[in-house]
Amino acid sequence: DEEVEKMRDEMSNILDNIAVLNEINTDSVDPTGHSVDLKSVLRDDVSKDSLPTADILSNAPNYDEDLIKIKPVFE
C-alpha cells in the first residue's frame, strides 16, 4: 500500500505539471510536429549517366566478363 501511495503522489505531481502547461498561452505559436525545424541534409537523388563498363572494369583488380570478382564474403 505504501507503493500505491507513492504512485498516487507521483501521478498527482505529473497532473499538476500538465495543468501548469495548459495555462500557457500558445495562440501565437504555429503548430509543429517537432520542437526544431528539421531539414534534410541529403542531396536530391538525381539520375545521371554512369561510366562505361570498360572504364569501371579497368579499375577492378579482378573481373570476369562484365562482372567484378571479389573475395568470398561467406565461407
PDB file of N, CA and C in Angstrom:
ATOM      1  N   ASP A   1       0.824  -1.201   0.000  1.00  0.00           N
ATOM      2  CA  ASP A   1       0.000   0.000   0.000  1.00  0.00           C
ATOM      3  C   ASP A   1       0.865   1.260   0.000  1.00  0.00           C
ATOM      4  N   GLU A   2       2.062   1.141   0.540  1.00  0.00           N
ATOM      5  CA  GLU A   2       2.987   2.282   0.523  1.00  0.00           C
ATOM      6  C   GLU A   2       3.365   2.625  -0.920  1.00  0.00           C
ATOM      7  N   GLU A   3       3.519   1.575  -1.735  1.00  0.00           N
ATOM      8  CA  GLU A   3       3.864   1.783  -3.141  1.00  0.00           C
ATOM      9  C   GLU A   3       2.710   2.466  -3.887  1.00  0.00           C
ATOM     10  N   VAL A   4       1.486   2.093  -3.555  1.00  0.00           N
ATOM     11  CA  VAL A   4       0.313   2.715  -4.178  1.00  0.00           C
ATOM     12  C   VAL A   4       0.261   4.193  -3.821  1.00  0.00           C
ATOM     13  N   GLU A   5       0.534   4.513  -2.587  1.00  0.00           N
ATOM     14  CA  GLU A   5       0.535   5.914  -2.137  1.00  0.00           C
ATOM     15  C   GLU A   5       1.622   6.710  -2.859  1.00  0.00           C
ATOM     16  N   LYS A   6       2.790   6.104  -3.013  1.00  0.00           N
ATOM     17  CA  LYS A   6       3.890   6.773  -3.712  1.00  0.00           C
ATOM     18  C   LYS A   6       3.498   7.047  -5.169  1.00  0.00           C
ATOM     19  N   MET A   7       2.906   6.045  -5.828  1.00  0.00           N
ATOM     20  CA  MET A   7       2.485   6.217  -7.217  1.00  0.00           C
ATOM     21  C   MET A   7       1.402   7.290  -7.334  1.00  0.00           C
ATOM     22  N   ARG A   8       0.487   7.326  -6.378  1.00  0.00           N
ATOM     23  CA  ARG A   8      -0.573   8.331  -6.392  1.00  0.00           C
ATOM     24  C   ARG A   8       0.025   9.730  -6.279  1.00  0.00           C
ATOM     25  N   ASP A   9       1.018   9.901  -5.407  1.00  0.00           N
ATOM     26  CA  ASP A   9       1.677  11.203  -5.258  1.00  0.00           C
ATOM     27  C   ASP A   9       2.413  11.600  -6.538  1.00  0.00           C
ATOM     28  N   GLU A  10       3.101  10.636  -7.151  1.00  0.00           N
ATOM     29  CA  GLU A  10       3.828  10.927  -8.389  1.00  0.00           C
ATOM     30  C   GLU A  10       2.864  11.308  -9.513  1.00  0.00           C
ATOM     31  N   MET A  11       1.758  10.586  -9.632  1.00  0.00           N
ATOM     32  CA  MET A  11       0.767  10.905 -10.660  1.00  0.00           C
ATOM     33  C   MET A  11       0.140  12.271 -10.407  1.00  0.00           C
ATOM     34  N   SER A  12      -0.085  12.586  -9.158  1.00  0.00           N
ATOM     35  CA  SER A  12      -0.639  13.888  -8.811  1.00  0.00           C
ATOM     36  C   SER A  12       0.315  15.003  -9.224  1.00  0.00           C
ATOM     37  N   ASN A  13       1.616  14.799  -8.977  1.00  0.00           N
ATOM     38  CA  ASN A  13       2.616  15.793  -9.385  1.00  0.00           C
ATOM     39  C   ASN A  13       2.655  15.947 -10.904  1.00  0.00           C
ATOM     40  N   ILE A  14       2.563  14.837 -11.614  1.00  0.00           N
ATOM     41  CA  ILE A  14       2.566  14.891 -13.079  1.00  0.00           C
ATOM     42  C   ILE A  14       1.354  15.673 -13.576  1.00  0.00           C
ATOM     43  N   LEU A  15       0.191  15.390 -13.024  1.00  0.00           N
ATOM     44  CA  LEU A  15      -1.020  16.096 -13.437  1.00  0.00           C
ATOM     45  C   LEU A  15      -0.955  17.578 -13.090  1.00  0.00           C
ATOM     46  N   ASP A  16      -0.343  17.918 -11.966  1.00  0.00           N
ATOM     47  CA  ASP A  16      -0.157  19.330 -11.605  1.00  0.00           C
ATOM     48  C   ASP A  16       0.734  20.030 -12.629  1.00  0.00           C
ATOM     49  N   ASN A  17       1.801  19.357 -13.054  1.00  0.00           N
ATOM     50  CA  ASN A  17       2.692  19.943 -14.060  1.00  0.00           C
ATOM     51  C   ASN A  17       1.977  20.126 -15.397  1.00  0.00           C
ATOM     52  N   ILE A  18       1.146  19.177 -15.770  1.00  0.00           N
ATOM     53  CA  ILE A  18       0.382  19.302 -17.011  1.00  0.00           C
ATOM     54  C   ILE A  18      -0.594  20.468 -16.913  1.00  0.00           C
ATOM     55  N   ALA A  19      -1.193  20.653 -15.765  1.00  0.00           N
ATOM     56  CA  ALA A  19      -2.118  21.770 -15.570  1.00  0.00           C
ATOM     57  C   ALA A  19      -1.403  23.099 -15.760  1.00  0.00           C
ATOM     58  N   VAL A  20      -0.163  23.202 -15.283  1.00  0.00           N
ATOM     59  CA  VAL A  20       0.625  24.429 -15.473  1.00  0.00           C
ATOM     60  C   VAL A  20       0.873  24.659 -16.961  1.00  0.00           C
ATOM     61  N   LEU A  21       1.219  23.601 -17.688  1.00  0.00           N
ATOM     62  CA  LEU A  21       1.461  23.728 -19.126  1.00  0.00           C
ATOM     63  C   LEU A  21       0.195  24.149 -19.866  1.00  0.00           C
ATOM     64  N   ASN A  22      -0.950  23.675 -19.429  1.00  0.00           N
ATOM     65  CA  ASN A  22      -2.212  24.035 -20.074  1.00  0.00           C
ATOM     66  C   ASN A  22      -2.556  25.509 -19.905  1.00  0.00           C
ATOM     67  N   GLU A  23      -1.963  26.178 -18.930  1.00  0.00           N
ATOM     68  CA  GLU A  23      -2.227  27.599 -18.696  1.00  0.00           C
ATOM     69  C   GLU A  23      -1.418  28.506 -19.617  1.00  0.00           C
ATOM     70  N   ILE A  24      -0.429  27.966 -20.313  1.00  0.00           N
ATOM     71  CA  ILE A  24       0.424  28.773 -21.184  1.00  0.00           C
ATOM     72  C   ILE A  24      -0.358  29.176 -22.428  1.00  0.00           C
ATOM     73  N   ASN A  25      -0.283  30.471 -22.778  1.00  0.00           N
ATOM     74  CA  ASN A  25      -0.953  30.980 -23.971  1.00  0.00           C
ATOM     75  C   ASN A  25      -0.093  30.665 -25.194  1.00  0.00           C
ATOM     76  N   THR A  26      -0.600  29.808 -26.049  1.00  0.00           N
ATOM     77  CA  THR A  26       0.139  29.411 -27.252  1.00  0.00           C
ATOM     78  C   THR A  26      -0.571  29.863 -28.529  1.00  0.00           C
ATOM     79  N   ASP A  27      -1.437  30.864 -28.422  1.00  0.00           N
ATOM     80  CA  ASP A  27      -2.200  31.319 -29.589  1.00  0.00           C
ATOM     81  C   ASP A  27      -1.301  31.798 -30.723  1.00  0.00           C
ATOM     82  N   SER A  28      -0.161  32.390 -30.400  1.00  0.00           N
ATOM     83  CA  SER A  28       0.716  32.933 -31.444  1.00  0.00           C
ATOM     84  C   SER A  28       1.766  31.929 -31.913  1.00  0.00           C
ATOM     85  N   VAL A  29       1.684  30.700 -31.442  1.00  0.00           N
ATOM     86  CA  VAL A  29       2.665  29.676 -31.805  1.00  0.00           C
ATOM     87  C   VAL A  29       2.053  28.748 -32.853  1.00  0.00           C
ATOM     88  N   ASP A  30       2.755  28.606 -33.984  1.00  0.00           N
ATOM     89  CA  ASP A  30       2.283  27.699 -35.030  1.00  0.00           C
ATOM     90  C   ASP A  30       2.443  26.254 -34.573  1.00  0.00           C
ATOM     91  N   PRO A  31       1.449  25.422 -34.859  1.00  0.00           N
ATOM     92  CA  PRO A  31       1.576  24.002 -34.510  1.00  0.00           C
ATOM     93  C   PRO A  31       2.714  23.351 -35.298  1.00  0.00           C
ATOM     94  N   THR A  32       3.454  22.485 -34.653  1.00  0.00           N
ATOM     95  CA  THR A  32       4.554  21.780 -35.316  1.00  0.00           C
ATOM     96  C   THR A  32       4.540  20.318 -34.897  1.00  0.00           C
ATOM     97  N   GLY A  33       5.231  19.509 -35.682  1.00  0.00           N
ATOM     98  CA  GLY A  33       5.379  18.105 -35.336  1.00  0.00           C
ATOM     99  C   GLY A  33       6.659  17.845 -34.573  1.00  0.00           C
ATOM    100  N   HIS A  34       7.574  18.824 -34.598  1.00  0.00           N
ATOM    101  CA  HIS A  34       8.865  18.680 -33.928  1.00  0.00           C
ATOM    102  C   HIS A  34       9.207  19.986 -33.218  1.00  0.00           C
ATOM    103  N   SER A  35      10.072  19.902 -32.240  1.00  0.00           N
ATOM    104  CA  SER A  35      10.450  21.100 -31.496  1.00  0.00           C
ATOM    105  C   SER A  35      11.446  21.962 -32.252  1.00  0.00           C
ATOM    106  N   VAL A  36      12.097  21.378 -33.269  1.00  0.00           N
ATOM    107  CA  VAL A  36      13.046  22.136 -34.090  1.00  0.00           C
ATOM    108  C   VAL A  36      12.659  21.973 -35.555  1.00  0.00           C
ATOM    109  N   ASP A  37      13.071  22.933 -36.376  1.00  0.00           N
ATOM    110  CA  ASP A  37      12.786  22.883 -37.803  1.00  0.00           C
ATOM    111  C   ASP A  37      13.729  21.887 -38.461  1.00  0.00           C
ATOM    112  N   LEU A  38      13.193  20.742 -38.863  1.00  0.00           N
ATOM    113  CA  LEU A  38      14.023  19.703 -39.462  1.00  0.00           C
ATOM    114  C   LEU A  38      14.170  19.935 -40.955  1.00  0.00           C
ATOM    115  N   LYS A  39      15.398  19.821 -41.426  1.00  0.00           N
ATOM    116  CA  LYS A  39      15.672  19.942 -42.850  1.00  0.00           C
ATOM    117  C   LYS A  39      16.528  18.759 -43.262  1.00  0.00           C
ATOM    118  N   SER A  40      16.288  18.272 -44.454  1.00  0.00           N
ATOM    119  CA  SER A  40      17.065  17.146 -44.958  1.00  0.00           C
ATOM    120  C   SER A  40      18.486  17.596 -45.253  1.00  0.00           C
ATOM    121  N   VAL A  41      19.453  16.829 -44.799  1.00  0.00           N
ATOM    122  CA  VAL A  41      20.853  17.136 -45.072  1.00  0.00           C
ATOM    123  C   VAL A  41      21.353  16.350 -46.275  1.00  0.00           C
ATOM    124  N   LEU A  42      20.470  15.547 -46.860  1.00  0.00           N
ATOM    125  CA  LEU A  42      20.850  14.743 -48.009  1.00  0.00           C
ATOM    126  C   LEU A  42      20.542  15.497 -49.294  1.00  0.00           C
ATOM    127  N   ARG A  43      21.349  15.274 -50.298  1.00  0.00           N
ATOM    128  CA  ARG A  43      21.105  15.918 -51.583  1.00  0.00           C
ATOM    129  C   ARG A  43      19.954  15.210 -52.278  1.00  0.00           C
ATOM    130  N   ASP A  44      19.367  15.883 -53.263  1.00  0.00           N
ATOM    131  CA  ASP A  44      18.332  15.259 -54.066  1.00  0.00           C
ATOM    132  C   ASP A  44      18.938  14.115 -54.865  1.00  0.00           C
ATOM    133  N   ASP A  45      18.170  13.066 -55.040  1.00  0.00           N
ATOM    134  CA  ASP A  45      18.617  11.912 -55.807  1.00  0.00           C
ATOM    135  C   ASP A  45      18.402  12.213 -57.287  1.00  0.00           C
ATOM    136  N   VAL A  46      19.500  12.435 -58.000  1.00  0.00           N
ATOM    137  CA  VAL A  46      19.431  12.803 -59.410  1.00  0.00           C
ATOM    138  C   VAL A  46      20.049  11.691 -60.241  1.00  0.00           C
ATOM    139  N   SER A  47      19.323  11.248 -61.247  1.00  0.00           N
ATOM    140  CA  SER A  47      19.816  10.197 -62.127  1.00  0.00           C
ATOM    141  C   SER A  47      20.809  10.791 -63.123  1.00  0.00           C
ATOM    142  N   LYS A  48      21.965  10.134 -63.263  1.00  0.00           N
ATOM    143  CA  LYS A  48      22.981  10.575 -64.216  1.00  0.00           C
ATOM    144  C   LYS A  48      23.476   9.360 -64.993  1.00  0.00           C
ATOM    145  N   ASP A  49      24.078   9.633 -66.146  1.00  0.00           N
ATOM    146  CA  ASP A  49      24.685   8.548 -66.916  1.00  0.00           C
ATOM    147  C   ASP A  49      25.852   7.976 -66.133  1.00  0.00           C
ATOM    148  N   SER A  50      25.998   6.656 -66.181  1.00  0.00           N
ATOM    149  CA  SER A  50      27.108   6.026 -65.474  1.00  0.00           C
ATOM    150  C   SER A  50      28.318   5.923 -66.396  1.00  0.00           C
ATOM    151  N   LEU A  51      29.423   5.514 -65.820  1.00  0.00           N
ATOM    152  CA  LEU A  51      30.646   5.330 -66.601  1.00  0.00           C
ATOM    153  C   LEU A  51      30.489   4.125 -67.520  1.00  0.00           C
ATOM    154  N   PRO A  52      31.219   4.109 -68.605  1.00  0.00           N
ATOM    155  CA  PRO A  52      31.205   2.912 -69.456  1.00  0.00           C
ATOM    156  C   PRO A  52      31.749   1.708 -68.684  1.00  0.00           C
ATOM    157  N   THR A  53      31.204   0.533 -68.974  1.00  0.00           N
ATOM    158  CA  THR A  53      31.600  -0.690 -68.277  1.00  0.00           C
ATOM    159  C   THR A  53      33.105  -0.921 -68.367  1.00  0.00           C
ATOM    160  N   ALA A  54      33.697  -0.671 -69.516  1.00  0.00           N
ATOM    161  CA  ALA A  54      35.139  -0.887 -69.693  1.00  0.00           C
ATOM    162  C   ALA A  54      35.949  -0.006 -68.750  1.00  0.00           C
ATOM    163  N   ASP A  55      35.516   1.234 -68.530  1.00  0.00           N
ATOM    164  CA  ASP A  55      36.227   2.130 -67.605  1.00  0.00           C
ATOM    165  C   ASP A  55      36.148   1.611 -66.173  1.00  0.00           C
ATOM    166  N   ILE A  56      35.001   1.113 -65.799  1.00  0.00           N
ATOM    167  CA  ILE A  56      34.832   0.582 -64.442  1.00  0.00           C
ATOM    168  C   ILE A  56      35.701  -0.659 -64.253  1.00  0.00           C
ATOM    169  N   LEU A  57      35.652  -1.570 -65.221  1.00  0.00           N
ATOM    170  CA  LEU A  57      36.421  -2.808 -65.101  1.00  0.00           C
ATOM    171  C   LEU A  57      37.922  -2.553 -65.138  1.00  0.00           C
ATOM    172  N   SER A  58      38.350  -1.473 -65.766  1.00  0.00           N
ATOM    173  CA  SER A  58      39.789  -1.174 -65.811  1.00  0.00           C
ATOM    174  C   SER A  58      40.331  -0.829 -64.426  1.00  0.00           C
ATOM    175  N   ASN A  59      39.464  -0.455 -63.501  1.00  0.00           N
ATOM    176  CA  ASN A  59      39.874  -0.139 -62.128  1.00  0.00           C
ATOM    177  C   ASN A  59      39.705  -1.324 -61.180  1.00  0.00           C
ATOM    178  N   ALA A  60      39.097  -2.393 -61.656  1.00  0.00           N
ATOM    179  CA  ALA A  60      38.855  -3.562 -60.808  1.00  0.00           C
ATOM    180  C   ALA A  60      40.080  -4.469 -60.820  1.00  0.00           C
ATOM    181  N   PRO A  61      40.513  -4.955 -59.659  1.00  0.00           N
ATOM    182  CA  PRO A  61      41.682  -5.834 -59.622  1.00  0.00           C
ATOM    183  C   PRO A  61      41.415  -7.200 -60.256  1.00  0.00           C
ATOM    184  N   ASN A  62      40.156  -7.631 -60.259  1.00  0.00           N
ATOM    185  CA  ASN A  62      39.838  -8.947 -60.794  1.00  0.00           C
ATOM    186  C   ASN A  62      38.412  -8.918 -61.341  1.00  0.00           C
ATOM    187  N   TYR A  63      38.246  -9.355 -62.583  1.00  0.00           N
ATOM    188  CA  TYR A  63      36.903  -9.387 -63.152  1.00  0.00           C
ATOM    189  C   TYR A  63      36.781 -10.535 -64.137  1.00  0.00           C
ATOM    190  N   ASP A  64      35.534 -10.905 -64.420  1.00  0.00           N
ATOM    191  CA  ASP A  64      35.232 -11.974 -65.367  1.00  0.00           C
ATOM    192  C   ASP A  64      34.081 -11.475 -66.241  1.00  0.00           C
ATOM    193  N   GLU A  65      34.342 -11.339 -67.518  1.00  0.00           N
ATOM    194  CA  GLU A  65      33.404 -10.744 -68.465  1.00  0.00           C
ATOM    195  C   GLU A  65      33.028  -9.354 -67.957  1.00  0.00           C
ATOM    196  N   ASP A  66      31.747  -9.104 -67.658  1.00  0.00           N
ATOM    197  CA  ASP A  66      31.327  -7.773 -67.191  1.00  0.00           C
ATOM    198  C   ASP A  66      31.104  -7.728 -65.681  1.00  0.00           C
ATOM    199  N   LEU A  67      31.650  -8.695 -64.943  1.00  0.00           N
ATOM    200  CA  LEU A  67      31.422  -8.777 -63.502  1.00  0.00           C
ATOM    201  C   LEU A  67      32.724  -8.603 -62.736  1.00  0.00           C
ATOM    202  N   ILE A  68      32.681  -7.805 -61.684  1.00  0.00           N
ATOM    203  CA  ILE A  68      33.842  -7.637 -60.806  1.00  0.00           C
ATOM    204  C   ILE A  68      33.848  -8.801 -59.826  1.00  0.00           C
ATOM    205  N   LYS A  69      34.975  -9.483 -59.723  1.00  0.00           N
ATOM    206  CA  LYS A  69      35.106 -10.619 -58.808  1.00  0.00           C
ATOM    207  C   LYS A  69      35.708 -10.123 -57.493  1.00  0.00           C
ATOM    208  N   ILE A  70      35.129 -10.580 -56.395  1.00  0.00           N
ATOM    209  CA  ILE A  70      35.620 -10.215 -55.066  1.00  0.00           C
ATOM    210  C   ILE A  70      35.886 -11.482 -54.272  1.00  0.00           C
ATOM    211  N   LYS A  71      36.577 -11.319 -53.153  1.00  0.00           N
ATOM    212  CA  LYS A  71      36.805 -12.455 -52.263  1.00  0.00           C
ATOM    213  C   LYS A  71      35.462 -12.879 -51.672  1.00  0.00           C
ATOM    214  N   PRO A  72      35.298 -14.156 -51.364  1.00  0.00           N
ATOM    215  CA  PRO A  72      34.034 -14.611 -50.770  1.00  0.00           C
ATOM    216  C   PRO A  72      33.749 -13.885 -49.450  1.00  0.00           C
ATOM    217  N   VAL A  73      32.501 -13.509 -49.282  1.00  0.00           N
ATOM    218  CA  VAL A  73      32.079 -12.853 -48.048  1.00  0.00           C
ATOM    219  C   VAL A  73      31.732 -13.906 -46.999  1.00  0.00           C
ATOM    220  N   PHE A  74      31.059 -14.963 -47.428  1.00  0.00           N
ATOM    221  CA  PHE A  74      30.684 -16.058 -46.532  1.00  0.00           C
ATOM    222  C   PHE A  74      31.411 -17.316 -46.974  1.00  0.00           C
ATOM    223  N   GLU A  75      31.848 -18.077 -46.033  1.00  0.00           N
ATOM    224  CA  GLU A  75      32.539 -19.318 -46.372  1.00  0.00           C
ATOM    225  C   GLU A  75      31.709 -20.498 -45.958  1.00  0.00           C
TER     226      GLU A  75
END
